[in-house]
Amino acid sequence: MLLLCTSKVRGHMPAKWIKWLLWLIILIRFVIFAPTIYYNIHATNHSNVINNHAQLYNGTYGTAIVTGQRFTERWGAAVFYYSLASWFPSFVFMPPLHLPFTVVDTTLAVFVSMATHYQSAYSPRNNSDCHNPEFPGMQRPPGTNESFFEAAARLNATVSTPTNMCLSFVKEWQYGVTLSFFYALMSLLGIILFFGAIRDAKQQGTSVSVMFRELGNDICWCLLLIPKAFLIFFLILYAIPLISFRCLPLSVKAPIRCARRYMIKSRLGTEQNTKIALKKSKSMSNKSKKSPGRYQGGEGSHTELAQFLGVYDILILIAKDLHYIDVMNLALVSKSVRKSVLPSYDLARRLPIYKLYTCNADDKRSCWDVPNPLVLDLDFGFVPTLKRVEGSARVICIKHGNPNVKLLQLVNRLFEYRVV
């Protein structure tokens, strides 16, 4: 139908150079459709990243980035929808009736150029700048320890890195330059076509009103083809295959119908199971809302042991006298102790460190040797020794004479910080 409509309208352009320029504009519209999509995607994603994090739009990194990205997002969407909607009508509205499209092309060329100019103030222009390790430091505002790209990547650490975020802005800027050039070229060609078609029409004695009347007749003629096109599609896609299938022998139709019934029953069974599962989940959620919730206490206060182990250097010194399994058991003492020994933000790094610094599993005796005695020359005399009892480290004070109870508790507490 498109070929029929275009062939019907081609009679309005007697000059060959007008035809070639018009087809060049149509080709450019088709070629820039993909860059338009990518430009709109990048502009939308960058604007969403900025709008979703207050640190990026509260003025820490200036207002140029926020203003430029919102301006780019607005006109990126306008370019996308216009490119999608104007491609087919460009076949119908021939010069000089294509003037509205030329006006829109000129407007888009101006505003996309403005958006690209705004981005030049904060966005790099080459991919090599993003791979330069000194480039992020050059863009850090006063009073901050990271650039805009580093902050945006940190706030979206699961999907991007500072380098990828920078490359994404570079691509958006490059797409903006490309679209600005091609829309300016289409605007220039459209203006040339307009004045050329007006001059050609005067030479042939054709007025603009006659052109509009002929264009209306052509559009009506194309609209009358729509029911015929639907009828042709109905016959080709449904009626002819159905009649042909009914004429086939039963040995061919039976397996096809069996497969069709199997697919229909499988779909019905899947729908029923899905409805039953949704109904159960809805009833369980209603019951959970009515039933009292589980008690959840607060964070509580950090114990002295947790505060003592919170010092990283002390924790490593203690880990050198323990086995790996003892460090894991130490993390199970309480919630505060686990945060000190195995914090969630540093879990992946500390586990290999504990495996490196804890005692060797083949030589366990070296873990329990005390090179520096803690108690020397007591009058009542007792010797603190360490023993391995059923896989756990314990301090056992073997008493000699009549020991002082308070001193015994002090020694046990020191060993508790050192071994437990």
Protein backbone atom coordinates (compact mmCIF):
# COMPACT_ATOMS: atom_id res chain seq x y z
CA MET A 1 0.00 0.00 0.00
CA LEU A 2 2.93 2.33 0.73
CA LEU A 3 4.33 1.75 -2.76
CA LEU A 4 0.94 2.37 -4.34
CA CYS A 5 0.47 5.64 -2.40
CA THR A 6 3.97 6.90 -3.19
CA SER A 7 3.63 6.01 -6.85
CA LYS A 8 0.34 7.89 -6.95
CA VAL A 9 1.95 11.03 -5.51
CA ARG A 10 5.12 11.01 -7.60
CA GLY A 11 3.39 12.82 -10.45
CA HIS A 12 3.58 16.11 -8.56
CA MET A 13 7.35 16.52 -9.01
CA PRO A 14 8.38 17.05 -12.58
CA ALA A 15 11.98 18.11 -11.73
CA LYS A 16 14.37 15.21 -11.21
CA TRP A 17 16.63 17.05 -8.76
CA ILE A 18 13.63 17.63 -6.49
CA LYS A 19 12.96 13.90 -6.49
CA TRP A 20 16.54 13.08 -5.58
CA LEU A 21 16.66 15.62 -2.75
CA LEU A 22 13.35 14.37 -1.38
CA TRP A 23 14.50 10.77 -1.38
CA LEU A 24 17.75 11.85 0.26
CA ILE A 25 15.77 13.43 3.11
CA ILE A 26 13.69 10.27 3.50
CA LEU A 27 16.87 8.17 3.57
CA ILE A 28 18.40 10.42 6.23
CA ARG A 29 15.26 10.10 8.36
CA PHE A 30 15.57 6.33 8.15
CA VAL A 31 19.30 6.29 8.91
CA ILE A 32 19.14 8.51 12.01
CA PHE A 33 16.32 6.53 13.58
CA ALA A 34 18.76 4.22 15.44
CA PRO A 35 20.94 7.09 16.80
CA THR A 36 17.75 8.80 17.91
CA ILE A 37 16.78 5.75 19.99
CA TYR A 38 20.20 5.53 21.67
CA TYR A 39 20.27 9.27 22.31
CA ASN A 40 16.88 9.14 24.01
CA ILE A 41 17.89 6.08 26.10
CA HIS A 42 21.12 7.67 27.33
CA ALA A 43 19.43 10.99 28.10
CA THR A 44 16.61 9.28 30.03
CA ASN A 45 18.96 7.04 32.02
CA HIS A 46 21.25 9.91 32.99
CA SER A 47 18.33 12.09 34.00
CA ASN A 48 16.88 9.27 36.14
CA VAL A 49 20.24 8.71 37.86
CA ILE A 50 20.44 12.40 38.77
CA ASN A 51 16.81 12.71 39.88
CA ASN A 52 16.98 9.59 42.07
CA HIS A 53 19.93 10.79 44.18
CA ALA A 54 19.84 14.10 46.00
CA GLN A 55 23.63 14.28 46.19
CA LEU A 56 23.78 14.68 42.40
CA TYR A 57 21.22 17.49 42.08
CA ASN A 58 21.49 19.43 45.36
CA GLY A 59 24.21 21.72 44.03
CA THR A 60 27.28 19.80 45.18
CA TYR A 61 28.43 19.39 41.58
CA GLY A 62 26.88 22.59 40.27
CA THR A 63 23.64 23.20 38.42
CA ALA A 64 24.99 22.85 34.88
CA ILE A 65 24.77 19.05 34.91
CA VAL A 66 21.21 18.99 36.26
CA THR A 67 20.00 21.67 33.84
CA GLY A 68 21.78 20.15 30.86
CA GLN A 69 20.50 16.61 31.45
CA ARG A 70 16.90 17.67 32.01
CA PHE A 71 17.03 19.79 28.88
CA THR A 72 18.58 16.88 26.95
CA GLU A 73 15.99 14.41 28.21
CA ARG A 74 13.12 16.67 27.14
CA TRP A 75 14.38 17.22 23.60
CA GLY A 76 15.72 13.69 23.26
CA ALA A 77 12.19 12.38 23.77
CA ALA A 78 10.83 14.96 21.32
CA VAL A 79 13.35 13.91 18.66
CA PHE A 80 12.53 10.23 19.18
CA TYR A 81 8.74 10.58 18.87
CA TYR A 82 9.02 12.98 15.94
CA SER A 83 11.39 10.65 14.10
CA LEU A 84 8.98 7.80 14.70
CA ALA A 85 5.90 9.70 13.54
CA SER A 86 7.27 11.68 10.59
CA TRP A 87 8.85 8.96 8.48
CA PHE A 88 5.70 7.71 6.71
CA PRO A 89 4.06 11.16 6.19
CA SER A 90 7.25 12.34 4.49
CA PHE A 91 6.28 10.06 1.59
CA VAL A 92 2.92 11.77 1.20
CA PHE A 93 3.58 15.50 1.73
CA MET A 94 5.60 16.43 -1.33
CA PRO A 95 7.30 19.80 -1.86
CA PRO A 96 6.31 22.51 -1.27
CA LEU A 97 3.75 20.97 1.12
CA HIS A 98 6.54 19.52 3.25
CA LEU A 99 7.21 22.95 4.80
CA PRO A 100 5.84 21.98 8.30
CA PHE A 101 8.37 19.13 8.46
CA THR A 102 11.16 21.52 7.50
CA VAL A 103 10.13 23.91 10.28
CA VAL A 104 10.16 21.09 12.84
CA ASP A 105 13.53 19.86 11.56
CA THR A 106 14.97 23.33 11.99
CA THR A 107 13.57 23.62 15.52
CA LEU A 108 14.96 20.25 16.56
CA ALA A 109 18.34 21.04 15.04
CA VAL A 110 18.53 24.26 17.10
CA PHE A 111 17.47 22.74 20.43
CA VAL A 112 19.52 19.55 20.09
CA SER A 113 22.54 21.75 19.32
CA MET A 114 21.80 23.77 22.47
CA ALA A 115 21.58 20.58 24.56
CA THR A 116 24.88 19.35 23.12
CA HIS A 117 26.46 22.74 23.87
CA TYR A 118 25.28 22.51 27.50
CA GLN A 119 26.81 19.04 27.79
CA SER A 120 30.17 20.28 26.50
CA ALA A 121 30.64 22.14 29.79
CA TYR A 122 30.76 18.97 31.93
CA SER A 123 30.96 15.95 29.61
CA PRO A 124 34.21 14.73 28.01
CA ARG A 125 34.29 14.39 24.24
CA ASN A 126 36.64 11.45 23.71
CA ASN A 127 36.70 7.94 25.16
CA SER A 128 40.39 8.33 25.94
CA ASP A 129 39.56 11.00 28.54
CA CYS A 130 37.52 8.48 30.52
CA HIS A 131 40.38 5.97 30.58
CA ASN A 132 42.80 8.64 31.81
CA PRO A 133 43.31 8.01 35.58
CA GLU A 134 43.90 11.72 36.22
CA PHE A 135 40.69 12.89 34.55
CA PRO A 136 38.28 12.22 37.50
CA GLY A 137 40.54 14.13 39.86
CA MET A 138 40.54 17.14 37.56
CA GLN A 139 36.73 17.38 37.74
CA ARG A 140 36.36 17.22 41.52
CA PRO A 141 34.64 20.33 42.89
CA PRO A 142 36.22 22.11 45.86
CA GLY A 143 35.38 20.44 49.15
CA THR A 144 34.64 16.99 47.67
CA ASN A 145 36.78 13.88 47.35
CA GLU A 146 35.14 12.46 44.21
CA SER A 147 33.99 13.73 40.83
CA PHE A 148 30.46 13.62 39.46
CA PHE A 149 31.13 10.42 37.51
CA GLU A 150 32.65 8.73 40.57
CA ALA A 151 29.69 9.73 42.73
CA ALA A 152 27.14 8.61 40.13
CA ALA A 153 28.92 5.26 39.75
CA ARG A 154 29.11 4.78 43.53
CA LEU A 155 25.39 5.42 43.89
CA ASN A 156 24.76 2.90 41.07
CA ALA A 157 27.54 0.46 41.95
CA THR A 158 25.57 -2.60 40.83
CA VAL A 159 25.24 -1.46 37.21
CA SER A 160 28.11 0.93 36.48
CA THR A 161 31.64 2.05 37.23
CA PRO A 162 33.18 5.55 37.00
CA THR A 163 34.73 4.71 33.63
CA ASN A 164 31.50 3.28 32.20
CA MET A 165 29.51 6.24 33.50
CA CYS A 166 31.95 8.62 31.82
CA LEU A 167 31.80 6.64 28.56
CA SER A 168 28.01 6.78 28.67
CA PHE A 169 28.09 10.59 28.80
CA VAL A 170 30.61 10.64 25.95
CA LYS A 171 28.27 8.52 23.80
CA GLU A 172 25.34 10.80 24.58
CA TRP A 173 27.36 13.87 23.56
CA GLN A 174 28.50 12.19 20.34
CA TYR A 175 24.94 11.16 19.44
CA GLY A 176 23.84 14.75 20.07
CA VAL A 177 26.47 16.07 17.65
CA THR A 178 25.38 13.53 15.03
CA LEU A 179 21.69 14.36 15.33
CA SER A 180 22.38 18.09 15.26
CA PHE A 181 24.31 17.73 12.01
CA PHE A 182 21.73 15.56 10.23
CA TYR A 183 18.72 17.62 11.33
CA ALA A 184 20.48 20.77 10.20
CA LEU A 185 21.21 19.06 6.87
CA MET A 186 17.56 18.01 6.47
CA SER A 187 16.46 21.53 7.32
CA LEU A 188 18.76 22.99 4.66
CA LEU A 189 17.61 20.47 2.05
CA GLY A 190 13.98 21.11 2.98
CA ILE A 191 14.39 24.86 2.46
CA ILE A 192 16.04 24.28 -0.93
CA LEU A 193 13.23 21.90 -1.90
CA PHE A 194 10.56 24.40 -0.84
CA PHE A 195 11.82 27.28 -2.97
CA GLY A 196 12.70 24.93 -5.84
CA ALA A 197 9.21 23.42 -5.85
CA ILE A 198 7.61 26.88 -5.75
CA ARG A 199 9.65 27.99 -8.75
CA ASP A 200 8.89 24.77 -10.62
CA ALA A 201 5.17 25.13 -9.91
CA LYS A 202 5.17 28.71 -11.25
CA GLN A 203 6.89 27.58 -14.41
CA GLN A 204 4.16 24.99 -14.98
CA GLY A 205 1.35 27.35 -13.98
CA THR A 206 0.28 25.27 -10.94
CA SER A 207 -0.94 27.08 -7.83
CA VAL A 208 -0.61 25.98 -4.23
CA SER A 209 -4.38 25.49 -3.93
CA VAL A 210 -4.27 22.99 -6.78
CA MET A 211 -1.47 21.15 -5.00
CA PHE A 212 -3.50 20.94 -1.81
CA ARG A 213 -6.53 19.68 -3.72
CA GLU A 214 -4.52 17.01 -5.49
CA LEU A 215 -2.87 16.04 -2.20
CA GLY A 216 -6.30 15.63 -0.58
CA ASN A 217 -7.45 13.43 -3.46
CA ASP A 218 -4.33 11.30 -3.12
CA ILE A 219 -4.80 10.92 0.64
CA CYS A 220 -8.43 9.87 0.12
CA TRP A 221 -7.34 7.39 -2.50
CA CYS A 222 -4.80 5.91 -0.06
CA LEU A 223 -7.40 5.71 2.70
CA LEU A 224 -9.72 3.78 0.40
CA LEU A 225 -6.97 1.21 -0.01
CA ILE A 226 -6.96 0.41 3.71
CA PRO A 227 -10.12 -1.84 3.66
CA LYS A 228 -8.82 -3.60 0.57
CA ALA A 229 -5.48 -4.16 2.30
CA PHE A 230 -7.20 -5.66 5.37
CA LEU A 231 -9.25 -7.92 3.11
CA ILE A 232 -6.13 -9.11 1.31
CA PHE A 233 -4.38 -9.78 4.63
CA PHE A 234 -7.42 -11.70 5.90
CA LEU A 235 -7.51 -13.89 2.80
CA ILE A 236 -3.76 -14.56 2.77
CA LEU A 237 -3.24 -15.10 6.48
CA TYR A 238 -6.50 -16.84 7.53
CA ALA A 239 -9.02 -17.85 4.86
CA ILE A 240 -6.73 -19.47 2.30
CA PRO A 241 -4.67 -21.45 4.92
CA LEU A 242 -7.90 -22.62 6.61
CA ILE A 243 -9.49 -23.83 3.38
CA SER A 244 -6.25 -25.52 2.35
CA PHE A 245 -5.98 -27.30 5.71
CA ARG A 246 -9.54 -28.64 5.50
CA CYS A 247 -8.77 -30.13 2.11
CA LEU A 248 -5.83 -32.13 3.46
CA PRO A 249 -6.23 -35.89 4.16
CA LEU A 250 -7.12 -37.06 7.65
CA SER A 251 -3.71 -38.68 8.21
CA VAL A 252 -2.14 -35.23 8.01
CA LYS A 253 -4.78 -33.30 9.95
CA ALA A 254 -5.01 -35.71 12.92
CA PRO A 255 -1.47 -35.14 14.36
CA ILE A 256 -1.79 -31.37 13.92
CA ARG A 257 -5.14 -31.28 15.72
CA CYS A 258 -3.77 -33.53 18.50
CA ALA A 259 -0.87 -31.16 19.07
CA ARG A 260 -3.25 -28.20 19.04
CA ARG A 261 -5.49 -29.80 21.71
CA TYR A 262 -2.46 -30.64 23.84
CA MET A 263 -1.23 -27.05 23.73
CA ILE A 264 -4.68 -25.67 24.60
CA LYS A 265 -5.12 -28.04 27.56
CA SER A 266 -1.60 -27.31 28.80
CA ARG A 267 -2.31 -23.60 28.69
CA LEU A 268 -5.60 -24.06 30.58
CA GLY A 269 -3.86 -26.19 33.23
CA THR A 270 -1.14 -23.58 33.66
CA GLU A 271 -3.72 -20.83 34.09
CA GLN A 272 -5.61 -22.85 36.71
CA ASN A 273 -2.43 -23.61 38.69
CA THR A 274 -1.46 -19.95 38.55
CA LYS A 275 -4.87 -18.85 39.84
CA ILE A 276 -4.71 -21.39 42.69
CA ALA A 277 -1.20 -20.27 43.66
CA LEU A 278 -2.21 -16.60 43.61
CA LYS A 279 -5.25 -17.36 45.75
CA LYS A 280 -3.12 -19.22 48.31
CA SER A 281 -0.54 -16.47 48.45
CA LYS A 282 -3.29 -13.87 48.89
CA SER A 283 -4.88 -15.82 51.74
CA MET A 284 -1.48 -16.30 53.43
CA SER A 285 -0.73 -12.59 53.16
CA ASN A 286 -4.11 -11.76 54.71
CA LYS A 287 -3.43 -14.17 57.57
CA SER A 288 0.00 -12.69 58.16
CA LYS A 289 -1.51 -9.20 58.37
CA LYS A 290 -4.05 -10.32 60.96
CA SER A 291 -1.62 -12.38 63.06
CA PRO A 292 0.79 -10.58 65.42
CA GLY A 293 4.20 -10.03 63.91
CA ARG A 294 7.43 -11.47 65.21
CA TYR A 295 9.19 -9.48 67.90
CA GLN A 296 12.26 -7.64 66.69
CA GLY A 297 14.47 -5.97 69.20
CA GLY A 298 16.64 -2.95 68.69
CA GLU A 299 20.31 -2.80 67.89
CA GLY A 300 21.27 -2.84 71.55
CA SER A 301 24.57 -1.56 72.92
CA HIS A 302 28.06 -2.68 71.95
CA THR A 303 29.76 -4.88 74.51
CA GLU A 304 33.26 -4.21 75.78
CA LEU A 305 34.54 -7.20 73.83
CA ALA A 306 32.97 -5.83 70.62
CA GLN A 307 34.57 -2.44 71.20
CA PHE A 308 37.91 -4.10 71.93
CA LEU A 309 37.76 -6.20 68.76
CA GLY A 310 36.54 -3.22 66.75
CA VAL A 311 40.16 -2.04 66.53
CA TYR A 312 41.41 -3.74 63.38
CA ASP A 313 45.06 -4.06 64.43
CA ILE A 314 44.12 -5.70 67.74
CA LEU A 315 41.76 -8.05 65.92
CA ILE A 316 44.54 -9.20 63.57
CA LEU A 317 46.95 -9.70 66.48
CA ILE A 318 44.38 -11.86 68.23
CA ALA A 319 43.65 -13.80 65.03
CA LYS A 320 47.32 -14.81 64.81
CA ASP A 321 46.92 -16.83 68.04
CA LEU A 322 43.64 -18.49 66.95
CA HIS A 323 42.54 -21.05 64.44
CA TYR A 324 40.20 -20.11 61.62
CA ILE A 325 37.29 -22.04 63.10
CA ASP A 326 37.80 -20.24 66.43
CA VAL A 327 37.50 -16.86 64.65
CA MET A 328 34.26 -18.03 63.06
CA ASN A 329 32.97 -19.18 66.48
CA LEU A 330 34.02 -15.87 67.97
CA ALA A 331 31.77 -14.10 65.46
CA LEU A 332 28.81 -16.10 66.85
CA VAL A 333 29.09 -14.70 70.38
CA SER A 334 26.73 -11.78 69.78
CA LYS A 335 25.51 -9.43 67.12
CA SER A 336 27.85 -6.63 68.13
CA VAL A 337 30.86 -8.97 68.17
CA ARG A 338 29.96 -10.26 64.71
CA LYS A 339 29.84 -6.68 63.39
CA SER A 340 33.35 -6.18 64.74
CA VAL A 341 34.81 -9.48 63.53
CA LEU A 342 32.87 -10.05 60.29
CA PRO A 343 31.20 -6.79 59.18
CA SER A 344 28.93 -7.18 56.17
CA TYR A 345 30.62 -4.37 54.21
CA ASP A 346 34.06 -6.03 54.53
CA LEU A 347 33.15 -9.72 54.59
CA ALA A 348 34.70 -10.66 51.25
CA ARG A 349 38.07 -9.16 52.25
CA ARG A 350 38.33 -10.34 55.83
CA LEU A 351 37.69 -14.04 55.25
CA PRO A 352 40.87 -14.48 53.14
CA ILE A 353 42.80 -12.39 55.68
CA TYR A 354 41.70 -14.68 58.53
CA LYS A 355 42.69 -17.71 56.49
CA LEU A 356 46.10 -16.13 55.95
CA TYR A 357 46.88 -14.98 59.50
CA THR A 358 45.25 -17.68 61.63
CA CYS A 359 47.25 -20.69 62.81
CA ASN A 360 48.15 -23.53 60.50
CA ALA A 361 45.79 -26.46 60.85
CA ASP A 362 48.70 -28.93 60.68
CA ASP A 363 50.53 -27.38 63.61
CA LYS A 364 47.96 -26.47 66.24
CA ARG A 365 50.29 -26.44 69.24
CA SER A 366 51.92 -23.18 68.22
CA CYS A 367 48.61 -21.41 68.73
CA TRP A 368 48.50 -22.10 72.42
CA ASP A 369 52.11 -21.34 73.40
CA VAL A 370 52.50 -18.30 75.68
CA PRO A 371 55.94 -16.83 74.94
CA ASN A 372 55.56 -13.99 77.48
CA PRO A 373 54.29 -15.18 80.88
CA LEU A 374 51.67 -12.89 82.33
CA VAL A 375 52.24 -13.75 86.01
CA LEU A 376 55.73 -14.02 87.53
CA ASP A 377 57.07 -14.69 91.02
CA LEU A 378 53.85 -14.99 93.01
CA ASP A 379 54.25 -15.71 96.72
CA PHE A 380 51.33 -18.11 96.78
CA GLY A 381 52.42 -19.46 93.40
CA PHE A 382 50.25 -20.63 90.57
CA VAL A 383 51.04 -21.17 86.92
CA PRO A 384 48.47 -20.32 84.22
CA THR A 385 48.63 -22.78 81.36
CA LEU A 386 46.64 -23.25 78.16
CA LYS A 387 45.16 -26.50 77.01
CA ARG A 388 43.12 -27.60 74.01
CA VAL A 389 39.84 -29.04 75.30
CA GLU A 390 37.44 -30.65 72.81
CA GLY A 391 38.24 -28.33 69.92
CA SER A 392 37.87 -25.03 71.79
CA ALA A 393 40.43 -22.75 73.41
CA ARG A 394 40.11 -22.41 77.19
CA VAL A 395 42.22 -20.95 79.96
CA ILE A 396 42.79 -23.29 82.89
CA CYS A 397 44.68 -21.98 85.89
CA ILE A 398 46.39 -24.81 87.74
CA LYS A 399 46.50 -23.65 91.33
CA HIS A 400 49.47 -24.18 93.66
CA GLY A 401 48.83 -23.13 97.19
CA ASN A 402 46.15 -20.57 98.03
CA PRO A 403 45.71 -18.20 95.00
CA ASN A 404 44.24 -14.76 95.15
CA VAL A 405 40.73 -14.91 93.71
CA LYS A 406 40.72 -11.37 92.26
CA LEU A 407 44.07 -11.88 90.57
CA LEU A 408 42.83 -15.16 89.15
CA GLN A 409 39.79 -13.39 87.65
CA LEU A 410 42.04 -10.72 86.14
CA VAL A 411 44.26 -13.29 84.49
CA ASN A 412 41.26 -15.16 83.14
CA ARG A 413 39.84 -11.93 81.70
CA LEU A 414 43.14 -11.15 79.99
CA PHE A 415 43.19 -14.60 78.48
CA GLU A 416 39.55 -14.19 77.54
CA TYR A 417 40.40 -11.13 75.45
CA ARG A 418 43.43 -12.89 74.04
CA VAL A 419 42.03 -16.32 73.19
CA VAL A 420 38.22 -16.50 73.29
